[in-house]
Structures are given as C-alpha cells and as structure tokens.
Amino acid sequence: MNARAKNALYALLLILTMLAVWKYRQSQRPEPIHLEGQTMATTYHITYFDETARNFQAAVDSLLVEVNRSINTYDSSSEISRFNRSARSFRFERLHFYEPLRASLKVVTGSMGAYDPTVMPLVNAWGFGPREIDRPDTAEILAIREFVGFEKISFNTDSVWKSNPRVQLDFGGIGQGYGADVIANFLRQRGVENFFVELGGEGVASGRNLGENRLWEIGILDPNSDSMNQFFRATATLKDKAFSTSGNYFNYRDVDGRKYSHTIDPETGFPVQRALLSATVFASDCAIADAWATAFMCMGHERGITLLKDHPELEVYFVFTSAEGISTYTSQTLKEHLTAGR
C-alpha cells in the first residue's frame, strides 16, 4: 500500500472514529424532564435534567398552591386578601408573604416609586383587579391616590401594618417572578443544576440545556404581536439568569373605544401612556426582574436608561416607539447574548 492510500485510510478511520464518538455522546445525553401546569391565572413550563429522573410535578404544584395562598389577590382567603381587608395590622403565618415584601421594598426604593405594590386600590378602580368595573370614576381615582405609597406600610418577618385601613397590596407586578424563584430554589435544593423555569412569560435559567448541548434561550415577543399571531423581536441566550418581560400586549381595557394599559402609574393614578412598548429585564432572581420590568414600563425608556447607570446588576432590552418607528435599546453587557429576530 502506497503512502497516498495509507493517508486516505487513516483519514477514513479518523472520520469513522469521530462519528462513533459523536454517536456515543449523543446516546449519553440525559433525557429532559418536562413539567407543566396552571397557576396565578397563567401557565408554567419547566424543563430540567436529573440523573435519577425524579418527577417533581406534585411537589411543584404543592409549592405553587402555597404561594397562591399567600399572595394571590383573586383568592379571598389568601393572606394578602385578608391583609387588604384588615384595619391596621396583619400577622402572616405562611412562608411566602415576607419575601415579596422585602423584594418590593428594594425595587420601590431603587425605582423611586415607579414600582409600588400598594397600587391595589387603583388596580381595582381601573377594573384590572378581582372586581369588574364598567367605567373608571376619575374622581374616585384622584381620591384613591391618597392611600397609595409603599411608605404607608411597615413590616417585619412575620407581620405587616398599614397607616390607613384603605391601604392595600397587590403583588401582581412581582408575584409570577417570585413563583418562578420558589420553583428554581426548590430544584437547586434537590441538587438539580441544569433547568429552565418559565411561569407566565418570566422565569429562571440555570446551567445548560444538556439535551441540546447549548445554553438556554428565550424569545422576546414583538409588541406588534397579538393573541393569535405571535413572533419574536429578539432572542437571548441565558445561563444562571432570571428574566421578565412586561408589556401592554394583551392586557388592557377598552372603554369607549380607548385602550387603557394595565400598568398603573402610582404617582398619577392613571394607566401609563409611554413610548415604551415592552421592557425585558435580566437579573439574579426573577422577583427582582419582574418588579423592575413593571417599574420601567411605568417610568418609560428614557428615564429607565438614565436610572440603569445606578443599577449595573440589571440588563435590559427595551422596545419603544420613536420618530423612526420602532426602536430598541440593549444593555451593553447583554449585546453579545442577544440576537435580533427581525
């Protein structure tokens, strides 16, 4: 056998060896475990990799029931509903009331009140709460502003107080993110390192997608989407990050032909009318990302971009209207992980 033939044979053997190794690695990839269900008037989807293939469906559902019993305003027996009906103080006994309060205080302070969970009376007045409202009463809205402001409550690890019986809490701007954190922490405590939790469009990505041998990826919905036709404005790769997108896609009220955003400005008492169409926030935990996404929708992209200088722990992707049409803003550190969809 001459040298040329030997080289060709060696090359063929090398290719066959590489193919065999690739097939072996493919066969060794773990199978993902998928969980899904309904909670907080939305759905959740979980993908994780576990060497012993444990199924945590029942445990996850039980955890989410407990979260709802603490902070779901649509449940009249939940702790937050009981606090809202209380005259002054309320002692909570469940595990999931204090942490949303603590996270809320952090974002209320950081956003200078753009996010404020005491907007519940305004949410109700505009018909976005548990009770239906045919038409907002402007006089009532202006009066309600007197009872909105996070400084009107105090709390410690087991109790919360209000300065006036009409002060109420609404964790709608942080609750889904907090629920995703609860699931993520549960998985971590059981030694699961590679998982993706999505609850109502926000969630937590940890480790890698071992089934496809790549980082986790999310799509950021284009604001021009509707409930029937949805497409992505951009995609982002994630590792050990939480994410949340807030936008006025489908949640609004139509009164006399005018659309009212579900995001209420705590300062004015009225739905926000900003050029900002959607705000996607990446942070270390989902409750913080969720609350900040709400805050940015309230304050708008210009003020938000300025405020980000004091919050390097956050990464954002804003979509907003401009003289050129639809424009975007991406945090510098996020750019290498984000791909425009169109």
Protein backbone atom coordinates (compact mmCIF):
# COMPACT_ATOMS: atom_id res chain seq x y z
CA MET A 1 0.00 0.00 0.00
CA ASN A 2 1.48 3.29 -1.06
CA ALA A 3 1.64 6.41 1.13
CA ARG A 4 -1.34 8.09 -0.53
CA ALA A 5 -3.53 5.07 0.09
CA LYS A 6 -2.37 4.86 3.72
CA ASN A 7 -3.20 8.53 4.29
CA ALA A 8 -6.64 8.05 2.79
CA LEU A 9 -7.23 5.03 5.03
CA TYR A 10 -6.08 6.90 8.14
CA ALA A 11 -8.35 9.81 7.24
CA LEU A 12 -11.30 7.45 6.82
CA LEU A 13 -10.55 5.75 10.15
CA LEU A 14 -10.32 9.15 11.84
CA ILE A 15 -13.69 10.23 10.42
CA LEU A 16 -15.29 6.93 11.49
CA THR A 17 -13.81 7.28 14.98
CA MET A 18 -15.09 10.84 15.32
CA LEU A 19 -18.53 9.74 14.12
CA ALA A 20 -18.56 6.91 16.65
CA VAL A 21 -17.59 9.29 19.47
CA TRP A 22 -20.30 11.74 18.40
CA LYS A 23 -22.94 9.00 18.34
CA TYR A 24 -21.78 7.76 21.75
CA ARG A 25 -22.04 11.25 23.24
CA GLN A 26 -25.46 11.66 21.69
CA SER A 27 -26.57 8.41 23.31
CA GLN A 28 -25.19 9.56 26.67
CA ARG A 29 -27.09 12.85 26.71
CA PRO A 30 -29.62 12.85 29.52
CA GLU A 31 -33.30 12.97 28.74
CA PRO A 32 -35.02 16.19 29.79
CA ILE A 33 -37.93 16.07 32.20
CA HIS A 34 -40.83 18.37 31.35
CA LEU A 35 -43.43 19.63 33.80
CA GLU A 36 -46.30 21.98 33.10
CA GLY A 37 -49.47 23.24 34.72
CA GLN A 38 -51.58 26.24 35.59
CA THR A 39 -51.15 28.79 38.36
CA MET A 40 -51.71 32.50 39.03
CA ALA A 41 -54.18 32.75 36.13
CA THR A 42 -51.43 31.63 33.73
CA THR A 43 -49.35 28.59 32.86
CA TYR A 44 -45.93 27.29 33.84
CA HIS A 45 -43.42 25.15 31.96
CA ILE A 46 -40.34 23.54 33.50
CA THR A 47 -37.53 21.59 31.86
CA TYR A 48 -34.75 20.04 33.93
CA PHE A 49 -32.12 17.29 33.86
CA ASP A 50 -31.83 14.90 36.78
CA GLU A 51 -29.57 11.86 36.90
CA THR A 52 -32.14 9.85 38.84
CA ALA A 53 -35.06 11.09 36.70
CA ARG A 54 -37.09 12.31 39.66
CA ASN A 55 -40.50 13.72 38.83
CA PHE A 56 -41.29 16.81 40.89
CA GLN A 57 -44.74 17.57 39.43
CA ALA A 58 -46.67 17.02 42.66
CA ALA A 59 -44.12 18.94 44.74
CA VAL A 60 -44.12 21.90 42.33
CA ASP A 61 -47.91 22.06 42.31
CA SER A 62 -47.98 21.99 46.10
CA LEU A 63 -45.42 24.79 46.29
CA LEU A 64 -47.41 26.98 43.93
CA VAL A 65 -50.60 26.36 45.93
CA GLU A 66 -48.77 27.66 48.99
CA VAL A 67 -47.54 30.73 47.10
CA ASN A 68 -51.07 31.48 45.95
CA ARG A 69 -52.43 31.09 49.47
CA SER A 70 -50.03 33.85 50.48
CA ILE A 71 -50.13 36.42 47.68
CA ASN A 72 -52.99 35.76 45.24
CA THR A 73 -55.45 38.66 45.42
CA TYR A 74 -58.02 36.67 43.40
CA ASP A 75 -58.27 34.23 46.33
CA SER A 76 -60.42 35.87 49.00
CA SER A 77 -58.96 33.56 51.66
CA SER A 78 -55.30 34.27 50.83
CA GLU A 79 -53.17 36.13 53.32
CA ILE A 80 -52.81 39.18 51.08
CA SER A 81 -56.60 39.37 50.67
CA ARG A 82 -57.04 39.15 54.42
CA PHE A 83 -54.46 41.90 54.91
CA ASN A 84 -56.26 44.07 52.38
CA ARG A 85 -59.48 43.68 54.39
CA SER A 86 -57.76 44.34 57.71
CA ALA A 87 -57.99 47.65 59.55
CA ARG A 88 -54.36 48.09 60.58
CA SER A 89 -52.09 45.08 61.10
CA PHE A 90 -51.88 41.50 59.92
CA ARG A 91 -49.72 38.62 61.11
CA PHE A 92 -48.86 36.22 58.30
CA GLU A 93 -48.19 32.57 59.01
CA ARG A 94 -47.27 31.20 55.62
CA LEU A 95 -43.80 31.24 54.05
CA HIS A 96 -44.41 33.41 51.02
CA PHE A 97 -45.57 36.82 52.21
CA TYR A 98 -42.39 38.27 53.65
CA GLU A 99 -40.06 37.71 50.69
CA PRO A 100 -42.22 39.58 48.13
CA LEU A 101 -42.46 42.44 50.65
CA ARG A 102 -38.69 42.52 51.07
CA ALA A 103 -38.05 42.39 47.32
CA SER A 104 -40.70 45.05 46.74
CA LEU A 105 -39.03 47.44 49.16
CA LYS A 106 -35.75 47.03 47.29
CA VAL A 107 -37.29 47.87 43.90
CA VAL A 108 -39.59 50.60 45.24
CA THR A 109 -36.50 52.32 46.62
CA GLY A 110 -34.35 51.70 43.55
CA SER A 111 -37.02 52.85 41.10
CA MET A 112 -38.02 55.84 43.22
CA GLY A 113 -41.58 54.57 43.45
CA ALA A 114 -42.18 53.67 39.79
CA TYR A 115 -42.89 50.17 41.07
CA ASP A 116 -45.21 50.22 44.09
CA PRO A 117 -47.36 47.25 45.21
CA THR A 118 -49.76 49.50 47.13
CA VAL A 119 -51.46 50.31 43.80
CA MET A 120 -54.15 47.71 44.53
CA PRO A 121 -56.96 50.29 45.07
CA LEU A 122 -56.06 51.87 41.71
CA VAL A 123 -55.91 48.48 40.01
CA ASN A 124 -59.42 47.81 41.28
CA ALA A 125 -60.67 51.24 40.25
CA TRP A 126 -59.50 50.64 36.68
CA GLY A 127 -61.08 47.18 36.53
CA PHE A 128 -57.86 45.14 36.45
CA GLY A 129 -58.43 43.53 39.84
CA PRO A 130 -60.78 40.82 41.12
CA ARG A 131 -63.87 43.04 40.81
CA GLU A 132 -65.23 44.21 37.47
CA ILE A 133 -65.64 47.93 36.77
CA ASP A 134 -67.74 49.13 33.84
CA ARG A 135 -66.28 52.61 33.71
CA PRO A 136 -63.44 54.22 35.73
CA ASP A 137 -64.55 57.05 38.03
CA THR A 138 -61.98 59.87 37.71
CA ALA A 139 -62.99 61.49 41.00
CA GLU A 140 -62.58 58.18 42.80
CA ILE A 141 -59.17 57.64 41.20
CA LEU A 142 -57.91 61.04 42.34
CA ALA A 143 -59.15 60.34 45.89
CA ILE A 144 -57.56 56.88 45.95
CA ARG A 145 -54.09 58.31 45.33
CA GLU A 146 -54.06 59.43 48.96
CA PHE A 147 -53.90 55.79 50.04
CA VAL A 148 -51.15 54.70 47.63
CA GLY A 149 -47.48 54.69 48.60
CA PHE A 150 -45.20 52.00 49.99
CA GLU A 151 -44.26 54.30 52.85
CA LYS A 152 -47.80 53.74 54.15
CA ILE A 153 -46.96 50.19 55.23
CA SER A 154 -44.38 48.73 57.61
CA PHE A 155 -43.38 45.10 58.02
CA ASN A 156 -41.07 42.63 59.70
CA THR A 157 -40.52 38.91 59.22
CA ASP A 158 -43.99 37.91 60.44
CA SER A 159 -46.29 40.96 60.33
CA VAL A 160 -47.30 43.90 58.17
CA TRP A 161 -49.01 47.15 59.21
CA LYS A 162 -50.85 49.85 57.27
CA SER A 163 -51.25 53.52 58.15
CA ASN A 164 -54.86 53.58 56.92
CA PRO A 165 -57.48 50.84 56.51
CA ARG A 166 -57.83 51.68 52.80
CA VAL A 167 -54.19 50.83 52.04
CA GLN A 168 -53.95 47.57 50.10
CA LEU A 169 -51.25 45.44 48.49
CA ASP A 170 -51.09 43.89 45.03
CA PHE A 171 -48.19 41.60 44.13
CA GLY A 172 -49.29 41.31 40.51
CA GLY A 173 -46.09 43.05 39.41
CA ILE A 174 -43.82 40.64 41.27
CA GLY A 175 -45.82 37.51 42.08
CA GLN A 176 -45.16 35.43 38.97
CA GLY A 177 -41.46 36.19 39.18
CA TYR A 178 -41.45 35.22 42.83
CA GLY A 179 -43.27 31.98 42.00
CA ALA A 180 -40.57 31.14 39.43
CA ASP A 181 -37.90 31.79 42.09
CA VAL A 182 -39.64 29.43 44.50
CA ILE A 183 -39.56 26.63 41.93
CA ALA A 184 -35.94 27.38 40.98
CA ASN A 185 -34.83 27.30 44.62
CA PHE A 186 -36.69 24.02 45.14
CA LEU A 187 -34.80 22.42 42.23
CA ARG A 188 -31.45 23.74 43.45
CA GLN A 189 -32.06 22.37 46.94
CA ARG A 190 -32.52 18.94 45.39
CA GLY A 191 -29.26 19.09 43.51
CA VAL A 192 -30.67 19.94 40.08
CA GLU A 193 -28.21 22.29 38.37
CA ASN A 194 -29.49 22.44 34.80
CA PHE A 195 -33.06 23.65 34.46
CA PHE A 196 -35.34 26.20 32.85
CA VAL A 197 -38.40 27.53 34.68
CA GLU A 198 -40.98 29.68 32.90
CA LEU A 199 -44.07 30.99 34.67
CA GLY A 200 -46.32 33.40 32.84
CA GLY A 201 -43.56 34.54 30.48
CA GLU A 202 -40.88 35.10 33.10
CA GLY A 203 -38.54 32.69 34.75
CA VAL A 204 -35.10 31.37 35.63
CA ALA A 205 -32.43 29.65 33.53
CA SER A 206 -29.73 27.65 35.30
CA GLY A 207 -26.79 25.79 33.82
CA ARG A 208 -27.28 24.47 30.30
CA ASN A 209 -29.77 22.69 28.10
CA LEU A 210 -27.96 19.36 28.24
CA GLY A 211 -30.31 17.71 25.78
CA GLU A 212 -29.20 20.07 23.02
CA ASN A 213 -25.77 20.85 24.48
CA ARG A 214 -26.25 24.60 24.44
CA LEU A 215 -27.25 27.48 26.65
CA TRP A 216 -30.89 28.10 27.38
CA GLU A 217 -32.62 30.54 25.05
CA ILE A 218 -35.68 32.76 25.31
CA GLY A 219 -37.62 34.70 22.72
CA ILE A 220 -38.72 38.28 23.39
CA LEU A 221 -42.18 38.86 22.00
CA ASP A 222 -42.63 41.61 19.44
CA PRO A 223 -45.09 44.28 20.68
CA ASN A 224 -46.91 44.06 17.34
CA SER A 225 -47.92 40.51 18.20
CA ASP A 226 -51.47 39.68 19.14
CA SER A 227 -53.04 36.69 20.86
CA MET A 228 -53.39 34.85 17.54
CA ASN A 229 -50.16 35.89 15.80
CA GLN A 230 -47.09 35.97 17.99
CA PHE A 231 -43.50 36.38 16.83
CA PHE A 232 -40.19 37.33 18.40
CA ARG A 233 -38.43 40.66 18.23
CA ALA A 234 -35.20 39.12 19.55
CA THR A 235 -33.77 36.01 21.22
CA ALA A 236 -31.36 35.87 24.14
CA THR A 237 -29.13 33.11 25.49
CA LEU A 238 -29.06 32.68 29.25
CA LYS A 239 -27.00 30.96 31.91
CA ASP A 240 -27.77 31.38 35.61
CA LYS A 241 -30.05 34.33 34.94
CA ALA A 242 -33.64 35.28 35.65
CA PHE A 243 -35.74 37.16 33.13
CA SER A 244 -39.03 39.02 32.93
CA THR A 245 -40.83 40.90 30.16
CA SER A 246 -43.52 43.45 30.83
CA GLY A 247 -45.57 44.94 28.01
CA ASN A 248 -49.04 46.02 27.10
CA TYR A 249 -49.53 43.17 24.64
CA PHE A 250 -52.90 41.72 25.51
CA ASN A 251 -53.80 43.02 29.00
CA TYR A 252 -55.73 46.22 28.58
CA ARG A 253 -59.27 47.53 28.91
CA ASP A 254 -61.30 49.09 26.14
CA VAL A 255 -63.53 51.90 27.41
CA ASP A 256 -65.50 53.88 24.83
CA GLY A 257 -63.06 52.79 22.12
CA ARG A 258 -59.99 53.81 24.09
CA LYS A 259 -57.43 51.27 25.25
CA TYR A 260 -56.16 51.56 28.82
CA SER A 261 -52.87 49.92 29.76
CA HIS A 262 -52.85 47.54 32.74
CA THR A 263 -49.72 49.29 34.08
CA ILE A 264 -50.87 51.92 36.57
CA ASP A 265 -48.66 54.88 37.44
CA PRO A 266 -48.67 55.04 41.28
CA GLU A 267 -47.99 58.79 41.15
CA THR A 268 -50.77 59.90 38.81
CA GLY A 269 -53.23 57.08 39.45
CA PHE A 270 -53.81 56.62 35.72
CA PRO A 271 -52.64 53.96 33.24
CA VAL A 272 -49.26 54.85 31.79
CA GLN A 273 -49.02 56.27 28.30
CA ARG A 274 -45.39 55.94 27.28
CA ALA A 275 -43.41 55.33 24.13
CA LEU A 276 -42.03 52.21 25.80
CA LEU A 277 -43.84 49.16 24.40
CA SER A 278 -42.04 46.39 26.29
CA ALA A 279 -39.29 46.04 28.87
CA THR A 280 -37.32 42.83 29.31
CA VAL A 281 -35.13 42.69 32.41
CA PHE A 282 -32.42 40.18 33.31
CA ALA A 283 -31.33 39.89 36.94
CA SER A 284 -30.06 37.40 39.50
CA ASP A 285 -33.58 36.44 40.63
CA CYS A 286 -36.94 36.62 38.95
CA ALA A 287 -38.88 38.57 41.57
CA ILE A 288 -36.46 41.48 41.16
CA ALA A 289 -36.55 41.22 37.35
CA ASP A 290 -40.36 41.12 37.40
CA ALA A 291 -40.72 44.18 39.63
CA TRP A 292 -38.15 46.17 37.66
CA ALA A 293 -39.89 45.32 34.36
CA THR A 294 -43.06 46.83 35.84
CA ALA A 295 -41.10 49.86 37.05
CA PHE A 296 -39.56 50.51 33.63
CA MET A 297 -42.94 50.26 31.92
CA CYS A 298 -44.19 52.89 34.34
CA MET A 299 -41.27 55.32 34.05
CA GLY A 300 -40.58 54.92 30.33
CA HIS A 301 -37.38 54.09 28.46
CA GLU A 302 -35.65 57.49 28.70
CA ARG A 303 -35.79 57.70 32.46
CA GLY A 304 -35.09 53.97 32.63
CA ILE A 305 -31.88 54.24 30.61
CA THR A 306 -30.68 57.03 32.88
CA LEU A 307 -31.53 55.07 36.03
CA LEU A 308 -29.68 51.98 34.80
CA LYS A 309 -26.38 53.77 35.41
CA ASP A 310 -27.00 53.25 39.12
CA HIS A 311 -28.03 49.61 38.70
CA PRO A 312 -25.28 47.64 36.94
CA GLU A 313 -26.81 44.44 38.32
CA LEU A 314 -29.60 44.78 35.74
CA GLU A 315 -29.57 44.12 32.00
CA VAL A 316 -32.43 45.31 29.81
CA TYR A 317 -33.91 45.16 26.34
CA PHE A 318 -36.40 47.97 25.64
CA VAL A 319 -38.72 48.25 22.64
CA PHE A 320 -40.23 51.68 22.11
CA THR A 321 -41.74 53.96 19.52
CA SER A 322 -39.66 56.78 18.07
CA ALA A 323 -39.63 59.17 15.13
CA GLU A 324 -38.05 56.35 13.10
CA GLY A 325 -40.81 53.90 14.01
CA ILE A 326 -39.98 51.01 16.36
CA SER A 327 -36.61 51.35 18.12
CA THR A 328 -34.76 49.28 20.71
CA TYR A 329 -32.24 49.74 23.48
CA THR A 330 -29.94 46.93 24.67
CA SER A 331 -27.64 47.00 27.70
CA GLN A 332 -24.01 46.86 26.63
CA THR A 333 -23.29 43.64 28.55
CA LEU A 334 -26.35 41.97 27.03
CA LYS A 335 -25.47 42.61 23.39
CA GLU A 336 -23.23 39.57 22.97
CA HIS A 337 -26.05 37.31 24.21
CA LEU A 338 -28.88 38.79 22.15
CA THR A 339 -29.86 38.30 18.51
CA ALA A 340 -32.40 40.50 16.76
CA GLY A 341 -35.27 38.50 15.34
CA ARG A 342 -36.14 40.86 12.51
